[in-house]
Amino acid sequence: MNEPERWHLKKEIQVTHVVSTLLLVGAVFAYVSKIDQRLTIVETQLIAQRDSTMVQRAQLERMDAKLDRLIERLK
């Protein structure tokens, strides 16, 4: 009787597996680092946009107050 071959594991590590694993870890690290950089840029832009919006709101409030004073003078 011919029995089918059974699975077996070798206790050796191939250099190509180690190199490919290290390359994969390096690629993941680079990807995560790039995402972090992009997130920092977006946060900076968001803060700048919020500050700009606050300045514009203050300007609009001053214009509104001036218009109200002008309307009161004309009455």
N, C-alpha and C. Protein backbone atom coordinates (compact mmCIF):
# COMPACT_ATOMS: atom_id res chain seq x y z
N MET A 1 0.81 -1.18 0.00
CA MET A 1 0.00 0.00 0.00
C MET A 1 0.86 1.26 0.00
N ASN A 2 0.47 2.16 -0.86
CA ASN A 2 1.14 3.45 -0.90
C ASN A 2 0.34 4.46 -0.09
N GLU A 3 0.93 4.92 0.99
CA GLU A 3 0.27 5.95 1.78
C GLU A 3 0.68 7.32 1.25
N PRO A 4 -0.26 8.28 1.21
CA PRO A 4 0.12 9.61 0.74
C PRO A 4 1.13 10.23 1.72
N GLU A 5 1.94 11.09 1.15
CA GLU A 5 2.94 11.76 1.99
C GLU A 5 2.26 12.69 2.98
N ARG A 6 2.82 12.72 4.16
CA ARG A 6 2.27 13.59 5.20
C ARG A 6 3.03 14.90 5.22
N TRP A 7 2.35 15.91 5.79
CA TRP A 7 2.98 17.22 5.90
C TRP A 7 4.14 17.13 6.89
N HIS A 8 5.16 17.93 6.63
CA HIS A 8 6.26 18.02 7.57
C HIS A 8 6.82 19.44 7.54
N LEU A 9 7.42 19.84 8.62
CA LEU A 9 8.00 21.17 8.73
C LEU A 9 9.51 21.05 8.88
N LYS A 10 10.21 21.95 8.21
CA LYS A 10 11.67 21.98 8.33
C LYS A 10 12.06 23.04 9.35
N LYS A 11 13.14 22.81 10.04
CA LYS A 11 13.61 23.77 11.03
C LYS A 11 14.68 24.68 10.45
N GLU A 12 14.47 25.13 9.25
CA GLU A 12 15.44 26.03 8.62
C GLU A 12 14.75 27.31 8.19
N ILE A 13 15.51 28.36 8.19
CA ILE A 13 14.99 29.65 7.78
C ILE A 13 15.71 30.06 6.50
N GLN A 14 14.94 30.40 5.51
CA GLN A 14 15.54 30.80 4.25
C GLN A 14 15.79 32.31 4.25
N VAL A 15 16.90 32.69 3.68
CA VAL A 15 17.29 34.10 3.64
C VAL A 15 16.25 34.92 2.88
N THR A 16 15.69 34.38 1.84
CA THR A 16 14.70 35.13 1.05
C THR A 16 13.46 35.45 1.88
N HIS A 17 13.06 34.55 2.77
CA HIS A 17 11.91 34.83 3.62
C HIS A 17 12.23 35.95 4.61
N VAL A 18 13.42 35.92 5.16
CA VAL A 18 13.82 36.97 6.11
C VAL A 18 13.87 38.32 5.40
N VAL A 19 14.47 38.35 4.22
CA VAL A 19 14.61 39.60 3.47
C VAL A 19 13.23 40.13 3.06
N SER A 20 12.38 39.25 2.57
CA SER A 20 11.05 39.72 2.14
C SER A 20 10.23 40.20 3.34
N THR A 21 10.37 39.56 4.48
CA THR A 21 9.66 40.01 5.68
C THR A 21 10.16 41.38 6.12
N LEU A 22 11.47 41.57 6.11
CA LEU A 22 12.03 42.87 6.48
C LEU A 22 11.59 43.96 5.50
N LEU A 23 11.56 43.63 4.22
CA LEU A 23 11.09 44.61 3.24
C LEU A 23 9.63 44.95 3.46
N LEU A 24 8.83 43.97 3.79
CA LEU A 24 7.42 44.21 4.05
C LEU A 24 7.24 45.09 5.29
N VAL A 25 7.98 44.83 6.34
CA VAL A 25 7.90 45.64 7.55
C VAL A 25 8.35 47.07 7.24
N GLY A 26 9.41 47.22 6.45
CA GLY A 26 9.87 48.55 6.07
C GLY A 26 8.83 49.30 5.25
N ALA A 27 8.17 48.60 4.34
CA ALA A 27 7.14 49.24 3.51
C ALA A 27 5.96 49.68 4.36
N VAL A 28 5.56 48.87 5.31
CA VAL A 28 4.44 49.24 6.20
C VAL A 28 4.83 50.44 7.04
N PHE A 29 6.04 50.46 7.56
CA PHE A 29 6.51 51.59 8.35
C PHE A 29 6.52 52.88 7.52
N ALA A 30 7.01 52.80 6.28
CA ALA A 30 7.04 53.97 5.41
C ALA A 30 5.62 54.45 5.10
N TYR A 31 4.71 53.53 4.88
CA TYR A 31 3.32 53.88 4.58
C TYR A 31 2.68 54.61 5.76
N VAL A 32 2.86 54.06 6.96
CA VAL A 32 2.29 54.68 8.15
C VAL A 32 2.92 56.05 8.41
N SER A 33 4.20 56.15 8.16
CA SER A 33 4.89 57.43 8.34
C SER A 33 4.34 58.48 7.37
N LYS A 34 4.09 58.08 6.14
CA LYS A 34 3.54 59.00 5.14
C LYS A 34 2.13 59.45 5.53
N ILE A 35 1.34 58.53 6.05
CA ILE A 35 -0.01 58.89 6.50
C ILE A 35 0.07 59.90 7.64
N ASP A 36 1.01 59.71 8.56
CA ASP A 36 1.18 60.64 9.68
C ASP A 36 1.56 62.03 9.17
N GLN A 37 2.44 62.09 8.17
CA GLN A 37 2.82 63.38 7.61
C GLN A 37 1.63 64.08 6.97
N ARG A 38 0.84 63.32 6.21
CA ARG A 38 -0.32 63.90 5.56
C ARG A 38 -1.34 64.39 6.58
N LEU A 39 -1.52 63.65 7.66
CA LEU A 39 -2.44 64.05 8.71
C LEU A 39 -1.98 65.34 9.37
N THR A 40 -0.70 65.48 9.59
CA THR A 40 -0.16 66.71 10.17
C THR A 40 -0.42 67.90 9.26
N ILE A 41 -0.24 67.72 7.96
CA ILE A 41 -0.50 68.79 7.00
C ILE A 41 -1.97 69.20 7.02
N VAL A 42 -2.86 68.21 7.04
CA VAL A 42 -4.29 68.50 7.06
C VAL A 42 -4.68 69.22 8.35
N GLU A 43 -4.12 68.80 9.47
CA GLU A 43 -4.41 69.48 10.73
C GLU A 43 -3.96 70.93 10.69
N THR A 44 -2.78 71.19 10.13
CA THR A 44 -2.26 72.55 10.02
C THR A 44 -3.17 73.40 9.14
N GLN A 45 -3.60 72.85 8.02
CA GLN A 45 -4.50 73.58 7.13
C GLN A 45 -5.84 73.86 7.80
N LEU A 46 -6.32 72.92 8.57
CA LEU A 46 -7.60 73.10 9.26
C LEU A 46 -7.50 74.21 10.29
N ILE A 47 -6.41 74.26 11.02
CA ILE A 47 -6.22 75.33 12.00
C ILE A 47 -6.14 76.68 11.31
N ALA A 48 -5.41 76.76 10.19
CA ALA A 48 -5.30 78.02 9.45
C ALA A 48 -6.67 78.44 8.92
N GLN A 49 -7.44 77.50 8.44
CA GLN A 49 -8.77 77.81 7.91
C GLN A 49 -9.68 78.30 9.03
N ARG A 50 -9.60 77.68 10.20
CA ARG A 50 -10.42 78.11 11.34
C ARG A 50 -10.05 79.53 11.76
N ASP A 51 -8.76 79.83 11.79
CA ASP A 51 -8.33 81.18 12.15
C ASP A 51 -8.82 82.20 11.13
N SER A 52 -8.74 81.85 9.87
CA SER A 52 -9.21 82.74 8.81
C SER A 52 -10.71 82.98 8.93
N THR A 53 -11.45 81.94 9.25
CA THR A 53 -12.89 82.07 9.41
C THR A 53 -13.22 82.99 10.58
N MET A 54 -12.46 82.88 11.66
CA MET A 54 -12.70 83.74 12.81
C MET A 54 -12.43 85.20 12.46
N VAL A 55 -11.39 85.47 11.68
CA VAL A 55 -11.08 86.84 11.27
C VAL A 55 -12.19 87.38 10.38
N GLN A 56 -12.66 86.57 9.44
CA GLN A 56 -13.74 87.00 8.56
C GLN A 56 -15.02 87.26 9.35
N ARG A 57 -15.30 86.43 10.33
CA ARG A 57 -16.50 86.62 11.15
C ARG A 57 -16.41 87.94 11.91
N ALA A 58 -15.25 88.24 12.46
CA ALA A 58 -15.07 89.50 13.18
C ALA A 58 -15.26 90.69 12.25
N GLN A 59 -14.72 90.59 11.03
CA GLN A 59 -14.89 91.67 10.06
C GLN A 59 -16.36 91.86 9.71
N LEU A 60 -17.08 90.77 9.51
CA LEU A 60 -18.50 90.87 9.19
C LEU A 60 -19.30 91.48 10.34
N GLU A 61 -18.94 91.14 11.57
CA GLU A 61 -19.63 91.72 12.71
C GLU A 61 -19.39 93.23 12.80
N ARG A 62 -18.16 93.66 12.51
CA ARG A 62 -17.88 95.10 12.52
C ARG A 62 -18.65 95.80 11.41
N MET A 63 -18.72 95.17 10.22
CA MET A 63 -19.48 95.77 9.12
C MET A 63 -20.96 95.86 9.49
N ASP A 64 -21.46 94.83 10.13
CA ASP A 64 -22.86 94.82 10.54
C ASP A 64 -23.14 95.95 11.53
N ALA A 65 -22.23 96.13 12.47
CA ALA A 65 -22.40 97.21 13.45
C ALA A 65 -22.37 98.57 12.77
N LYS A 66 -21.48 98.74 11.81
CA LYS A 66 -21.40 100.03 11.10
C LYS A 66 -22.67 100.28 10.30
N LEU A 67 -23.18 99.24 9.66
CA LEU A 67 -24.43 99.40 8.91
C LEU A 67 -25.58 99.75 9.83
N ASP A 68 -25.62 99.11 11.00
CA ASP A 68 -26.68 99.43 11.96
C ASP A 68 -26.59 100.89 12.38
N ARG A 69 -25.39 101.40 12.64
CA ARG A 69 -25.23 102.81 13.04
C ARG A 69 -25.64 103.73 11.90
N LEU A 70 -25.30 103.35 10.69
CA LEU A 70 -25.67 104.18 9.53
C LEU A 70 -27.17 104.23 9.36
N ILE A 71 -27.82 103.09 9.52
CA ILE A 71 -29.28 103.04 9.38
C ILE A 71 -29.93 103.89 10.48
N GLU A 72 -29.40 103.83 11.69
CA GLU A 72 -29.97 104.63 12.79
C GLU A 72 -29.80 106.13 12.52
N ARG A 73 -28.70 106.54 11.91
CA ARG A 73 -28.51 107.96 11.60
C ARG A 73 -29.51 108.43 10.55
N LEU A 74 -29.83 107.57 9.59
CA LEU A 74 -30.72 107.96 8.51
C LEU A 74 -32.18 108.03 8.96
N LYS A 75 -32.50 107.43 10.05
CA LYS A 75 -33.92 107.46 10.51
C LYS A 75 -34.31 108.76 11.09
